Amino acid sequence: MSAILSVDDLNDFISPGVACIKPIETLPSAPPAPSSADETEVILDGSPQAAAAAADPAQISLTDCLACSGCVTSAEAVLVSLQSHAEVLSTLDAAPALRVVGPDAAGGFSVEGLEDEDAKLFVASVSPQTRANLAATCGAHVSERDAGRMLDNLLRAPTGLAKGGRWHNRFAWVVDTNVAREASLVLGADEVLSTSGAGATAPSQPILASACPGWVCYAEKTHPHVLGHLSRVKSPQALMGTLLKTALSRKLGIPPSRIWHLAVMPCFDKKLEASREELTDEVWDGAGLPGRGVRDVDCVITSKEILMLAESRGISLFDIPGDQLSTPPPEPFPDSRLHDFLFPQRGTRNPPRAAGSSGGPLYHILQSRAAQTPGSEIQMSQGRNADVVEYLVILNGEPIFKAARYYGFRNIQNLVRKLKPARSSRMPGGRPFGSARRPAGKSASLEYGYVEVMACPGGCTNGGGQIKVDDPVVVERKNFAGKPGPQEQRDWLSEVDEAYFSGDEAWREVDASSGDVVGGISRSYIDDTLAHWSDMTGIGLDRLAFTSYREVISDVGRDKTTDAEKVVRLAGKIGGGW
């Protein structure tokens, strides 16, 4: 999805797809309620139904859409638009926010305002790609960290969203998804380089990245044969959502439905991810199976929608201060161990340029594999285009691990075609279909241990929800004479990437004396934090940190005729029959 989505703009939507699982249909009206003897029926124009209210319009939830393979464009676009800046404002204005008080002398926390059933505790998480995009939009004088402080002030400070609205509500905590990214990188490396994931069924090799929801949705609907290869580790957005909902509900003694989590992301498809039944409390606090429970991420808005959110309160994002002194320190999180994890004193950094702009799972796995074998080195070779890159970990000139990066649907289609299993020929002596170009005894790409797959060419800094070079705010600030062309688009993406990678020099490296630090991430620290999280909530990591996928099949709109019925019909057409 490449353009900003709003209910008002979507005039291309006519009806759900042919195979929609919620077709528009006319149902018989409910029987009238029995009337008492004292009631008098009023008939207008001779029709007892004239005074009845009009039928409600058909309602299709985003969960319904994800359960169907019939629609992939307009229907999903309409549903995605329901997660918007308008929903954020309406939720903030629905009731006074819950207020966390503490710690007290005993270190405990309490919650005020629970008597109002509509009151919620507001928390938010922000992606580094969004911060980089907003920094580039503000200009060269604003860094990615400055943009992060501006967002923090918008969401959390009294001078931000809280200065308007009915209840002057604000977000209690605004966290950086980079901390969840570090945890997902460690879990992902263990999944690929160990015999099995922590408490999860290990996927088949080559293991494919699953942090991109556009790619996952595409695989579930069109290429189910690759689902066994998808990484089971939750994306940083999903992992952060589960952490916030589980930790706050357990420590504060409130149900997850009273916690409202907003995620600010570079991609519209992240709204699809937030609506997955696999990412609800039904999985981690219920039967362990997907269900329509309380979502771990209640709403996702994109970088573009942040501008709309600010403007709706009469705020110019560019006028919000982004210096360190203007940003109040975070309130104490109810769990001190998780507070240190969510708000590290050293800060967080984005992966280096060699890791790309999508969080760096491939880079971390390569670095981890090289660290396992002292003396090895990593070699890179360019593929058929800039979005296909292959990597080798080599020891004494011999490859010991191979991985690749595939960005963009054009390249993804080539990848899944290679992974498609060969079909047996029905002809005597025939060769299996799809095996003509494969080496004997090998299935396609079996040599890959891991493939980083992202739907957007160029990675997540080029996500569909990012502010683009032809958006009015950029055109105005750049003073373009005409419509920006391809070169201007490339230059703009370079500016966003520059902002994304600009924090490397200012970041203080982690002490690597323990020997388990890879790319500035301590595996032992992550493992200890995850173990503490699991112990504190009483939930296993297999439910907290891992997820599942399923083939999406819809029978609606398909021919459900059995083979026997088809034979009868055919016999009737040719004059025969039973």
Protein backbone atom coordinates (compact mmCIF):
# COMPACT_ATOMS: atom_id res chain seq x y z
CA MET A 1 0.00 0.00 0.00
CA SER A 2 1.73 3.12 -1.19
CA ALA A 3 -0.59 6.00 -0.42
CA ILE A 4 -2.11 7.48 2.71
CA LEU A 5 -5.37 5.75 3.48
CA SER A 6 -8.42 7.50 4.78
CA VAL A 7 -12.11 6.69 4.69
CA ASP A 8 -12.74 9.95 2.83
CA ASP A 9 -10.22 9.23 0.03
CA LEU A 10 -11.22 5.66 -0.75
CA ASN A 11 -13.70 6.21 -3.56
CA ASP A 12 -12.48 3.16 -5.51
CA PHE A 13 -14.21 0.72 -3.16
CA ILE A 14 -17.47 -0.61 -4.59
CA SER A 15 -18.10 -3.92 -2.88
CA PRO A 16 -16.26 -6.78 -1.20
CA GLY A 17 -14.51 -9.28 -3.39
CA VAL A 18 -16.42 -12.08 -5.08
CA ALA A 19 -15.17 -14.58 -2.51
CA CYS A 20 -15.71 -12.35 0.52
CA ILE A 21 -16.59 -14.39 3.60
CA LYS A 22 -19.06 -11.67 4.62
CA PRO A 23 -21.14 -11.19 1.46
CA ILE A 24 -23.74 -8.47 1.31
CA GLU A 25 -27.03 -10.22 1.80
CA THR A 26 -30.59 -9.53 2.88
CA LEU A 27 -31.60 -11.47 5.94
CA PRO A 28 -35.18 -11.96 7.14
CA SER A 29 -36.11 -9.44 9.77
CA ALA A 30 -36.35 -10.59 13.35
CA PRO A 31 -39.86 -11.42 14.54
CA PRO A 32 -41.50 -8.53 16.40
CA ALA A 33 -41.34 -8.63 20.15
CA PRO A 34 -44.56 -9.68 21.80
CA SER A 35 -46.64 -6.65 22.70
CA SER A 36 -48.38 -6.15 25.99
CA ALA A 37 -52.06 -5.47 26.28
CA ASP A 38 -51.41 -1.82 27.16
CA GLU A 39 -49.40 -1.11 24.00
CA THR A 40 -50.92 0.42 20.88
CA GLU A 41 -49.51 -0.33 17.42
CA VAL A 42 -48.96 2.77 15.32
CA ILE A 43 -49.27 2.25 11.56
CA LEU A 44 -48.04 4.94 9.15
CA ASP A 45 -49.17 4.92 5.52
CA GLY A 46 -50.74 1.53 6.03
CA SER A 47 -47.43 -0.18 6.70
CA PRO A 48 -46.43 -1.39 10.15
CA GLN A 49 -42.77 -1.35 9.05
CA ALA A 50 -42.67 2.26 7.95
CA ALA A 51 -41.52 3.42 11.36
CA ALA A 52 -38.79 0.80 11.64
CA ALA A 53 -35.20 1.95 11.56
CA ALA A 54 -33.18 1.42 8.42
CA ALA A 55 -31.10 -1.72 8.32
CA ASP A 56 -27.58 -1.35 9.59
CA PRO A 57 -24.89 -1.35 6.91
CA ALA A 58 -22.86 -4.51 6.45
CA GLN A 59 -19.98 -4.71 8.91
CA ILE A 60 -16.72 -6.42 7.98
CA SER A 61 -13.96 -6.47 10.56
CA LEU A 62 -10.27 -6.55 9.75
CA THR A 63 -10.12 -9.98 11.38
CA ASP A 64 -12.76 -11.18 8.91
CA CYS A 65 -10.67 -9.89 6.03
CA LEU A 66 -7.52 -11.63 7.22
CA ALA A 67 -9.48 -14.88 7.28
CA CYS A 68 -10.32 -14.60 3.58
CA SER A 69 -8.29 -15.02 0.42
CA GLY A 70 -10.80 -13.26 -1.80
CA CYS A 71 -9.79 -9.60 -1.36
CA VAL A 72 -6.30 -8.16 -1.26
CA THR A 73 -6.76 -4.50 -2.17
CA SER A 74 -9.73 -2.23 -1.67
CA ALA A 75 -11.56 -4.25 0.97
CA GLU A 76 -8.45 -4.41 3.14
CA ALA A 77 -7.75 -0.75 2.47
CA VAL A 78 -11.13 0.25 3.87
CA LEU A 79 -10.61 -1.89 6.94
CA VAL A 80 -7.06 -0.67 7.46
CA SER A 81 -8.33 2.91 7.37
CA LEU A 82 -10.31 2.23 10.54
CA GLN A 83 -6.99 2.33 12.40
CA SER A 84 -6.21 6.01 12.02
CA HIS A 85 -5.37 9.22 13.82
CA ALA A 86 -9.12 9.78 14.19
CA GLU A 87 -9.40 6.57 16.23
CA VAL A 88 -6.56 7.75 18.45
CA LEU A 89 -8.34 11.04 19.17
CA SER A 90 -11.74 9.45 19.72
CA THR A 91 -10.24 6.93 22.16
CA LEU A 92 -8.36 9.64 24.04
CA ASP A 93 -11.57 11.66 24.34
CA ALA A 94 -13.84 8.76 25.35
CA ALA A 95 -13.15 8.92 29.11
CA PRO A 96 -10.56 10.15 31.62
CA ALA A 97 -7.38 8.08 31.40
CA LEU A 98 -6.37 5.63 34.08
CA ARG A 99 -3.57 6.99 36.21
CA VAL A 100 -0.76 4.86 37.63
CA VAL A 101 0.41 5.97 41.08
CA GLY A 102 3.64 4.79 42.64
CA PRO A 103 5.90 3.44 43.72
CA ASP A 104 4.88 3.66 47.35
CA ALA A 105 7.11 2.96 50.32
CA ALA A 106 6.80 -0.77 49.67
CA GLY A 107 7.53 -0.37 45.96
CA GLY A 108 3.95 -1.07 44.93
CA PHE A 109 1.80 0.66 42.31
CA SER A 110 -1.90 1.42 42.19
CA VAL A 111 -4.31 2.54 39.49
CA GLU A 112 -6.78 5.39 39.85
CA GLY A 113 -9.96 5.77 37.80
CA LEU A 114 -10.97 2.11 37.51
CA GLU A 115 -14.55 2.93 38.52
CA ASP A 116 -15.08 4.37 35.02
CA GLU A 117 -15.46 1.30 32.78
CA ASP A 118 -14.45 3.26 29.67
CA ALA A 119 -11.21 4.59 31.16
CA LYS A 120 -7.97 3.15 29.76
CA LEU A 121 -4.26 3.31 30.38
CA PHE A 122 -2.52 4.68 27.27
CA VAL A 123 0.89 3.43 26.11
CA ALA A 124 2.69 3.92 22.79
CA SER A 125 5.67 2.47 20.92
CA VAL A 126 7.55 4.22 18.11
CA SER A 127 9.65 2.68 15.34
CA PRO A 128 13.09 4.05 14.37
CA GLN A 129 12.07 4.22 10.68
CA THR A 130 9.29 6.65 11.61
CA ARG A 131 11.70 8.80 13.61
CA ALA A 132 14.12 8.86 10.66
CA ASN A 133 11.36 9.81 8.23
CA LEU A 134 10.16 12.67 10.44
CA ALA A 135 13.74 13.84 10.98
CA ALA A 136 14.31 14.06 7.21
CA THR A 137 11.02 15.93 6.85
CA CYS A 138 12.07 18.45 9.50
CA GLY A 139 15.42 19.10 7.83
CA ALA A 140 19.11 18.46 8.31
CA HIS A 141 19.16 20.25 11.68
CA VAL A 142 16.95 17.52 13.24
CA SER A 143 18.40 14.09 14.00
CA GLU A 144 16.52 10.84 14.41
CA ARG A 145 16.89 11.15 18.18
CA ASP A 146 15.55 14.71 18.08
CA ALA A 147 12.52 13.47 16.13
CA GLY A 148 12.01 10.78 18.78
CA ARG A 149 11.93 13.43 21.52
CA MET A 150 9.46 15.47 19.47
CA LEU A 151 7.17 12.44 19.25
CA ASP A 152 7.62 11.79 22.95
CA ASN A 153 6.56 15.36 23.72
CA LEU A 154 3.60 15.13 21.35
CA LEU A 155 2.25 11.94 22.93
CA ARG A 156 3.30 12.31 26.55
CA ALA A 157 3.96 15.93 27.50
CA PRO A 158 1.24 18.28 28.82
CA THR A 159 1.98 20.63 25.88
CA GLY A 160 1.27 17.91 23.30
CA LEU A 161 -1.99 16.08 22.65
CA ALA A 162 -2.92 16.56 26.31
CA LYS A 163 -3.44 20.29 25.86
CA GLY A 164 -6.61 19.60 23.86
CA GLY A 165 -9.46 17.14 23.86
CA ARG A 166 -12.26 16.61 26.32
CA TRP A 167 -10.20 15.02 29.10
CA HIS A 168 -6.68 16.27 28.25
CA ASN A 169 -5.46 12.69 28.22
CA ARG A 170 -1.90 11.70 27.40
CA PHE A 171 0.15 8.54 27.02
CA ALA A 172 1.69 7.24 30.23
CA TRP A 173 4.72 5.69 28.49
CA VAL A 174 6.25 6.05 25.02
CA VAL A 175 8.79 3.31 24.31
CA ASP A 176 11.29 2.68 21.52
CA THR A 177 10.65 -0.51 19.55
CA ASN A 178 14.42 -0.89 19.16
CA VAL A 179 14.53 -2.61 22.55
CA ALA A 180 12.03 -5.21 21.33
CA ARG A 181 14.04 -5.45 18.11
CA GLU A 182 17.13 -6.45 20.08
CA ALA A 183 15.17 -9.23 21.76
CA SER A 184 13.74 -10.44 18.44
CA LEU A 185 17.24 -10.46 16.91
CA VAL A 186 18.62 -12.66 19.67
CA LEU A 187 15.64 -15.03 19.46
CA GLY A 188 15.89 -15.09 15.67
CA ALA A 189 19.59 -15.96 15.74
CA ASP A 190 18.91 -18.79 18.19
CA GLU A 191 16.12 -20.06 15.93
CA VAL A 192 18.34 -20.15 12.85
CA LEU A 193 21.62 -21.26 14.38
CA SER A 194 20.28 -23.71 16.96
CA THR A 195 18.45 -26.98 16.43
CA SER A 196 15.15 -25.44 17.57
CA GLY A 197 13.66 -22.20 18.76
CA ALA A 198 13.08 -21.51 22.45
CA GLY A 199 9.91 -23.43 23.16
CA ALA A 200 8.67 -23.24 19.57
CA THR A 201 8.53 -25.68 16.70
CA ALA A 202 11.52 -24.93 14.52
CA PRO A 203 10.70 -23.86 10.96
CA SER A 204 12.26 -25.62 7.99
CA GLN A 205 15.35 -24.21 6.34
CA PRO A 206 15.76 -21.88 4.67
CA ILE A 207 14.14 -19.86 7.45
CA LEU A 208 12.39 -16.78 6.04
CA ALA A 209 11.99 -13.50 7.92
CA SER A 210 8.46 -12.84 9.17
CA ALA A 211 8.66 -9.27 10.50
CA CYS A 212 7.09 -7.85 7.32
CA PRO A 213 3.29 -8.32 7.55
CA GLY A 214 2.75 -7.58 3.86
CA TRP A 215 4.99 -10.50 2.97
CA VAL A 216 3.36 -12.77 5.58
CA CYS A 217 -0.16 -11.94 4.37
CA TYR A 218 0.93 -12.56 0.78
CA ALA A 219 2.43 -15.94 1.71
CA GLU A 220 -0.63 -17.05 3.68
CA LYS A 221 -3.01 -16.20 0.86
CA THR A 222 -1.05 -17.22 -2.22
CA HIS A 223 1.96 -19.41 -1.33
CA PRO A 224 1.09 -21.68 1.61
CA HIS A 225 3.99 -23.95 0.73
CA VAL A 226 6.40 -21.42 2.29
CA LEU A 227 4.60 -21.14 5.65
CA GLY A 228 6.69 -23.94 7.11
CA HIS A 229 9.76 -21.78 6.47
CA LEU A 230 8.55 -18.59 8.21
CA SER A 231 10.34 -17.56 11.38
CA ARG A 232 8.14 -18.05 14.45
CA VAL A 233 9.69 -15.12 16.32
CA LYS A 234 7.32 -12.19 16.75
CA SER A 235 8.12 -8.92 15.03
CA PRO A 236 9.34 -6.04 17.25
CA GLN A 237 5.88 -4.43 17.07
CA ALA A 238 4.13 -7.62 18.14
CA LEU A 239 6.73 -8.47 20.79
CA MET A 240 6.48 -5.00 22.31
CA GLY A 241 2.69 -5.21 22.31
CA THR A 242 2.73 -8.52 24.17
CA LEU A 243 5.32 -7.26 26.65
CA LEU A 244 3.38 -4.11 27.51
CA LYS A 245 -0.01 -5.82 27.80
CA THR A 246 1.23 -8.78 29.87
CA ALA A 247 3.55 -6.84 32.19
CA LEU A 248 1.14 -4.00 32.93
CA SER A 249 -1.89 -6.25 33.39
CA ARG A 250 0.02 -8.54 35.77
CA LYS A 251 1.79 -5.85 37.80
CA LEU A 252 -1.19 -3.49 38.06
CA GLY A 253 -3.87 -6.14 38.43
CA ILE A 254 -6.01 -4.83 35.57
CA PRO A 255 -7.33 -6.71 32.53
CA PRO A 256 -5.52 -6.18 29.21
CA SER A 257 -8.69 -4.59 27.83
CA ARG A 258 -8.03 -1.58 30.07
CA ILE A 259 -4.64 -1.01 28.41
CA TRP A 260 -4.65 0.74 25.02
CA HIS A 261 -1.48 0.36 22.96
CA LEU A 262 -0.69 2.62 20.00
CA ALA A 263 2.16 1.70 17.63
CA VAL A 264 3.69 4.27 15.26
CA MET A 265 5.08 2.44 12.24
CA PRO A 266 6.39 3.11 8.69
CA CYS A 267 4.00 0.67 7.03
CA PHE A 268 0.24 0.35 6.52
CA ASP A 269 0.52 -3.43 6.58
CA LYS A 270 1.47 -3.21 10.26
CA LYS A 271 -2.23 -2.49 10.79
CA LEU A 272 -2.94 -5.90 9.30
CA GLU A 273 -0.45 -7.47 11.67
CA ALA A 274 -2.07 -5.81 14.69
CA SER A 275 -5.40 -7.41 13.73
CA ARG A 276 -4.13 -10.99 13.58
CA GLU A 277 -5.95 -13.44 15.85
CA GLU A 278 -2.55 -14.95 16.70
CA LEU A 279 -1.58 -11.69 18.48
CA THR A 280 -4.23 -11.44 21.18
CA ASP A 281 -4.58 -12.36 24.84
CA GLU A 282 -6.37 -15.53 23.76
CA VAL A 283 -2.93 -16.93 22.91
CA TRP A 284 -0.87 -15.87 25.92
CA ASP A 285 -3.57 -15.82 28.61
CA GLY A 286 -6.23 -18.13 27.22
CA ALA A 287 -6.26 -21.51 25.61
CA GLY A 288 -3.05 -20.85 23.72
CA LEU A 289 -4.94 -20.81 20.43
CA PRO A 290 -5.70 -17.89 18.13
CA GLY A 291 -8.97 -16.14 18.89
CA ARG A 292 -10.80 -12.86 18.83
CA GLY A 293 -9.51 -11.62 22.16
CA VAL A 294 -7.92 -8.34 23.22
CA ARG A 295 -5.30 -7.28 20.71
CA ASP A 296 -1.73 -6.74 21.88
CA VAL A 297 -1.57 -3.68 19.61
CA ASP A 298 -4.87 -1.79 19.58
CA CYS A 299 -4.08 0.74 16.87
CA VAL A 300 -1.31 1.42 14.36
CA ILE A 301 -0.73 4.77 12.70
CA THR A 302 1.98 5.67 10.22
CA SER A 303 4.46 8.50 9.87
CA LYS A 304 2.06 10.44 7.65
CA GLU A 305 -0.74 10.05 10.16
CA ILE A 306 1.44 11.51 12.92
CA LEU A 307 1.27 14.83 11.08
CA MET A 308 -2.53 14.51 10.90
CA LEU A 309 -2.68 13.63 14.60
CA ALA A 310 -0.76 16.75 15.56
CA GLU A 311 -2.73 19.00 13.21
CA SER A 312 -6.01 17.71 14.63
CA ARG A 313 -5.01 19.21 17.97
CA GLY A 314 -3.80 22.42 16.33
CA ILE A 315 -0.15 21.48 16.79
CA SER A 316 2.65 21.77 14.24
CA LEU A 317 4.98 18.85 14.77
CA PHE A 318 7.87 20.94 13.48
CA ASP A 319 7.41 23.46 16.31
CA ILE A 320 7.65 20.84 19.07
CA PRO A 321 11.05 21.02 20.81
CA GLY A 322 13.29 18.02 20.33
CA ASP A 323 16.16 18.78 22.70
CA GLN A 324 16.91 16.53 25.64
CA LEU A 325 16.07 19.17 28.27
CA SER A 326 12.53 19.60 26.91
CA THR A 327 11.64 15.93 27.31
CA PRO A 328 10.62 14.86 30.83
CA PRO A 329 12.11 11.57 32.04
CA PRO A 330 9.80 8.55 31.79
CA GLU A 331 7.57 7.67 34.70
CA PRO A 332 8.63 4.58 36.66
CA PHE A 333 7.41 1.40 34.99
CA PRO A 334 5.69 -0.96 37.47
CA ASP A 335 8.51 -3.48 37.11
CA SER A 336 11.98 -2.04 37.74
CA ARG A 337 13.78 -4.73 35.72
CA LEU A 338 11.59 -4.07 32.69
CA HIS A 339 11.90 -0.32 33.24
CA ASP A 340 15.67 -0.60 32.72
CA PHE A 341 15.05 -2.70 29.62
CA LEU A 342 12.45 -0.37 28.08
CA PHE A 343 14.30 2.85 28.96
CA PRO A 344 18.03 2.00 28.87
CA GLN A 345 20.35 4.71 30.12
CA ARG A 346 22.73 4.03 27.25
CA GLY A 347 19.92 4.58 24.79
CA THR A 348 19.37 2.44 21.73
CA ARG A 349 20.86 2.57 18.28
CA ASN A 350 19.84 1.43 14.85
CA PRO A 351 21.89 -1.32 13.20
CA PRO A 352 24.82 -0.16 11.02
CA ARG A 353 24.52 0.55 7.31
CA ALA A 354 25.61 -2.94 6.38
CA ALA A 355 22.51 -4.28 8.14
CA GLY A 356 20.06 -2.29 6.01
CA SER A 357 17.10 -0.25 7.18
CA SER A 358 14.74 -3.09 8.16
CA GLY A 359 16.03 -3.87 11.64
CA GLY A 360 19.00 -6.03 10.64
CA PRO A 361 17.87 -9.63 11.37
CA LEU A 362 20.02 -11.02 8.55
CA TYR A 363 23.06 -8.99 9.62
CA HIS A 364 22.73 -10.12 13.24
CA ILE A 365 22.44 -13.76 12.23
CA LEU A 366 25.52 -13.47 10.03
CA GLN A 367 27.47 -11.78 12.83
CA SER A 368 26.33 -14.42 15.32
CA ARG A 369 27.33 -17.26 13.00
CA ALA A 370 30.74 -15.72 12.41
CA ALA A 371 31.21 -15.30 16.18
CA GLN A 372 30.56 -19.02 16.64
CA THR A 373 33.55 -19.84 14.41
CA PRO A 374 36.64 -17.72 15.21
CA GLY A 375 38.61 -16.85 12.10
CA SER A 376 35.60 -16.85 9.77
CA GLU A 377 34.61 -13.86 7.67
CA ILE A 378 31.51 -12.61 5.87
CA GLN A 379 31.44 -12.11 2.10
CA MET A 380 28.72 -10.38 0.12
CA SER A 381 27.77 -10.75 -3.55
CA GLN A 382 25.27 -8.62 -5.44
CA GLY A 383 22.33 -10.41 -7.00
CA ARG A 384 20.39 -9.64 -10.15
CA ASN A 385 19.37 -6.20 -8.77
CA ALA A 386 20.03 -3.95 -5.79
CA ASP A 387 17.36 -5.67 -3.69
CA VAL A 388 18.82 -9.17 -4.00
CA VAL A 389 22.05 -9.78 -2.10
CA GLU A 390 23.71 -13.06 -1.11
CA TYR A 391 26.03 -13.56 1.87
CA LEU A 392 28.52 -16.25 2.82
CA VAL A 393 30.26 -16.95 6.10
CA ILE A 394 33.61 -18.43 5.02
CA LEU A 395 36.28 -20.28 6.99
CA ASN A 396 39.59 -21.06 5.29
CA GLY A 397 38.01 -20.37 1.91
CA GLU A 398 35.10 -22.78 2.47
CA PRO A 399 31.51 -21.57 2.98
CA ILE A 400 29.99 -22.66 6.27
CA PHE A 401 26.76 -20.60 6.14
CA LYS A 402 24.81 -18.98 3.33
CA ALA A 403 22.03 -16.38 3.53
CA ALA A 404 20.33 -13.83 1.31
CA ARG A 405 18.23 -10.68 1.22
CA TYR A 406 15.15 -10.40 -1.00
CA TYR A 407 13.30 -7.07 -1.03
CA GLY A 408 10.29 -6.16 -3.16
CA PHE A 409 7.51 -8.39 -4.47
CA ARG A 410 9.15 -8.86 -7.84
CA ASN A 411 12.09 -10.56 -6.15
CA ILE A 412 9.89 -12.32 -3.59
CA GLN A 413 7.98 -14.02 -6.39
CA ASN A 414 11.24 -15.44 -7.73
CA LEU A 415 12.13 -16.70 -4.25
CA VAL A 416 8.84 -18.49 -3.56
CA ARG A 417 8.89 -19.99 -7.06
CA LYS A 418 12.24 -21.58 -6.25
CA LEU A 419 10.93 -22.89 -2.95
CA LYS A 420 7.86 -24.49 -4.49
CA PRO A 421 8.12 -28.27 -4.15
CA ALA A 422 8.25 -30.34 -7.29
CA ARG A 423 5.04 -32.17 -8.24
CA SER A 424 5.02 -35.77 -9.35
CA SER A 425 4.26 -36.40 -12.98
CA ARG A 426 1.20 -38.50 -13.78
CA MET A 427 2.76 -39.74 -16.98
CA PRO A 428 4.65 -43.06 -16.87
CA GLY A 429 8.34 -42.29 -16.64
CA GLY A 430 7.68 -38.55 -16.49
CA ARG A 431 9.92 -36.20 -14.53
CA PRO A 432 8.51 -34.21 -11.58
CA PHE A 433 7.18 -30.78 -12.54
CA GLY A 434 9.44 -27.92 -11.52
CA SER A 435 12.57 -30.01 -11.25
CA ALA A 436 14.01 -29.38 -14.70
CA ARG A 437 16.30 -26.57 -13.60
CA ARG A 438 17.20 -27.94 -10.21
CA PRO A 439 20.42 -29.81 -9.45
CA ALA A 440 19.90 -33.48 -8.76
CA GLY A 441 19.11 -34.18 -5.14
CA LYS A 442 18.57 -30.52 -4.21
CA SER A 443 15.49 -28.46 -3.64
CA ALA A 444 15.70 -24.80 -4.62
CA SER A 445 17.58 -22.48 -2.25
CA LEU A 446 18.12 -25.29 0.21
CA GLU A 447 21.65 -24.00 0.63
CA TYR A 448 20.31 -20.83 2.27
CA GLY A 449 20.14 -20.95 6.05
CA TYR A 450 18.19 -17.69 6.26
CA VAL A 451 16.54 -15.19 3.92
CA GLU A 452 15.55 -11.67 4.97
CA VAL A 453 12.33 -10.94 3.08
CA MET A 454 10.70 -7.50 2.96
CA ALA A 455 7.85 -6.36 0.71
CA CYS A 456 9.13 -2.82 0.12
CA PRO A 457 12.07 -2.24 -2.25
CA GLY A 458 14.81 -0.57 -0.25
CA GLY A 459 13.50 -1.84 3.07
CA CYS A 460 11.38 -0.36 5.85
CA THR A 461 12.57 3.23 5.54
CA ASN A 462 10.71 3.13 2.20
CA GLY A 463 7.51 1.81 3.80
CA GLY A 464 4.14 2.72 2.33
CA GLY A 465 3.17 4.80 5.37
CA GLN A 466 6.23 7.02 5.23
CA ILE A 467 6.15 10.66 4.19
CA LYS A 468 7.17 10.67 0.53
CA VAL A 469 9.01 13.21 -1.57
CA ASP A 470 5.83 14.21 -3.42
CA ASP A 471 3.82 14.85 -0.26
CA PRO A 472 2.91 18.54 0.13
CA VAL A 473 4.91 18.98 3.33
CA VAL A 474 8.12 17.86 1.57
CA VAL A 475 7.39 19.68 -1.69
CA GLU A 476 6.86 22.89 0.26
CA ARG A 477 10.03 22.53 2.29
CA LYS A 478 12.12 21.49 -0.73
CA ASN A 479 10.70 24.22 -3.01
CA PHE A 480 10.41 21.89 -5.98
CA ALA A 481 9.59 23.73 -9.21
CA GLY A 482 7.49 20.84 -10.51
CA LYS A 483 6.50 17.32 -9.57
CA PRO A 484 9.45 15.41 -8.07
CA GLY A 485 10.87 12.81 -10.42
CA PRO A 486 12.66 9.49 -9.88
CA GLN A 487 15.96 11.19 -9.03
CA GLU A 488 14.31 13.35 -6.38
CA GLN A 489 12.68 10.22 -4.96
CA ARG A 490 16.05 8.47 -4.70
CA ASP A 491 17.61 11.54 -3.09
CA TRP A 492 14.76 11.72 -0.59
CA LEU A 493 15.11 8.07 0.41
CA SER A 494 18.85 8.67 0.85
CA GLU A 495 18.04 11.50 3.27
CA VAL A 496 15.74 9.23 5.28
CA ASP A 497 18.41 6.52 5.33
CA GLU A 498 21.02 9.05 6.41
CA ALA A 499 18.82 10.09 9.33
CA TYR A 500 18.23 6.43 10.18
CA PHE A 501 21.95 5.66 10.37
CA SER A 502 23.04 9.02 11.84
CA GLY A 503 23.04 7.86 15.47
CA ASP A 504 25.91 5.37 15.17
CA GLU A 505 28.69 7.78 16.06
CA ALA A 506 26.95 9.19 19.16
CA TRP A 507 26.00 5.81 20.59
CA ARG A 508 28.13 4.36 23.36
CA GLU A 509 29.17 0.78 22.66
CA VAL A 510 28.21 -1.93 25.13
CA ASP A 511 30.98 -3.51 27.15
CA ALA A 512 31.93 -6.63 25.18
CA SER A 513 34.16 -8.16 27.87
CA SER A 514 31.60 -10.88 28.57
CA GLY A 515 32.21 -12.31 25.10
CA ASP A 516 28.53 -12.73 24.24
CA VAL A 517 28.00 -9.30 22.66
CA VAL A 518 27.19 -9.28 18.95
CA GLY A 519 26.52 -5.99 17.20
CA GLY A 520 26.25 -4.17 20.52
CA ILE A 521 23.60 -6.60 21.82
CA SER A 522 24.34 -8.78 24.85
CA ARG A 523 22.69 -12.16 24.43
CA SER A 524 22.94 -12.98 28.13
CA TYR A 525 21.23 -9.69 29.05
CA ILE A 526 18.40 -10.37 26.60
CA ASP A 527 18.01 -13.97 27.77
CA ASP A 528 17.92 -12.90 31.43
CA THR A 529 15.36 -10.18 30.70
CA LEU A 530 13.11 -12.56 28.76
CA ALA A 531 13.36 -15.13 31.54
CA HIS A 532 12.40 -12.48 34.10
CA TRP A 533 9.44 -11.44 31.93
CA SER A 534 8.25 -15.04 31.69
CA ASP A 535 8.65 -15.64 35.44
CA MET A 536 6.92 -12.39 36.35
CA THR A 537 3.89 -13.09 34.19
CA GLY A 538 3.81 -16.85 34.74
CA ILE A 539 3.58 -17.41 30.96
CA GLY A 540 6.01 -19.45 28.88
CA LEU A 541 8.13 -17.79 26.20
CA ASP A 542 6.53 -20.05 23.60
CA ARG A 543 3.36 -17.98 24.07
CA LEU A 544 5.00 -14.63 24.75
CA ALA A 545 7.66 -14.39 22.07
CA PHE A 546 6.60 -16.76 19.28
CA THR A 547 3.65 -16.85 16.92
CA SER A 548 2.12 -19.04 14.22
CA TYR A 549 0.74 -18.79 10.67
CA ARG A 550 -1.99 -20.50 8.72
CA GLU A 551 -3.02 -21.01 5.15
CA VAL A 552 -5.89 -18.68 4.28
CA ILE A 553 -8.62 -20.43 2.29
CA SER A 554 -12.12 -19.22 1.60
CA ASP A 555 -14.82 -21.52 0.21
CA VAL A 556 -17.18 -18.63 -0.43
CA GLY A 557 -17.53 -18.05 -4.14
CA ARG A 558 -15.99 -21.40 -4.98
CA ASP A 559 -17.76 -24.36 -6.56
CA LYS A 560 -18.67 -26.65 -3.66
CA THR A 561 -20.17 -29.33 -5.90
CA THR A 562 -18.97 -32.81 -5.02
CA ASP A 563 -17.45 -35.14 -7.60
CA ALA A 564 -20.58 -37.33 -7.53
CA GLU A 565 -22.82 -34.33 -8.24
CA LYS A 566 -20.58 -33.28 -11.12
CA VAL A 567 -20.91 -36.76 -12.65
CA VAL A 568 -24.71 -36.63 -12.35
CA ARG A 569 -24.83 -33.21 -13.99
CA LEU A 570 -22.56 -34.32 -16.83
CA ALA A 571 -24.60 -37.46 -17.40
CA GLY A 572 -27.79 -35.41 -17.52
CA LYS A 573 -26.35 -33.07 -20.14
CA ILE A 574 -25.45 -35.92 -22.50
CA GLY A 575 -28.79 -37.69 -22.11
CA GLY A 576 -27.76 -40.33 -19.63
CA GLY A 577 -28.36 -40.52 -15.92
CA TRP A 578 -28.66 -42.76 -12.92
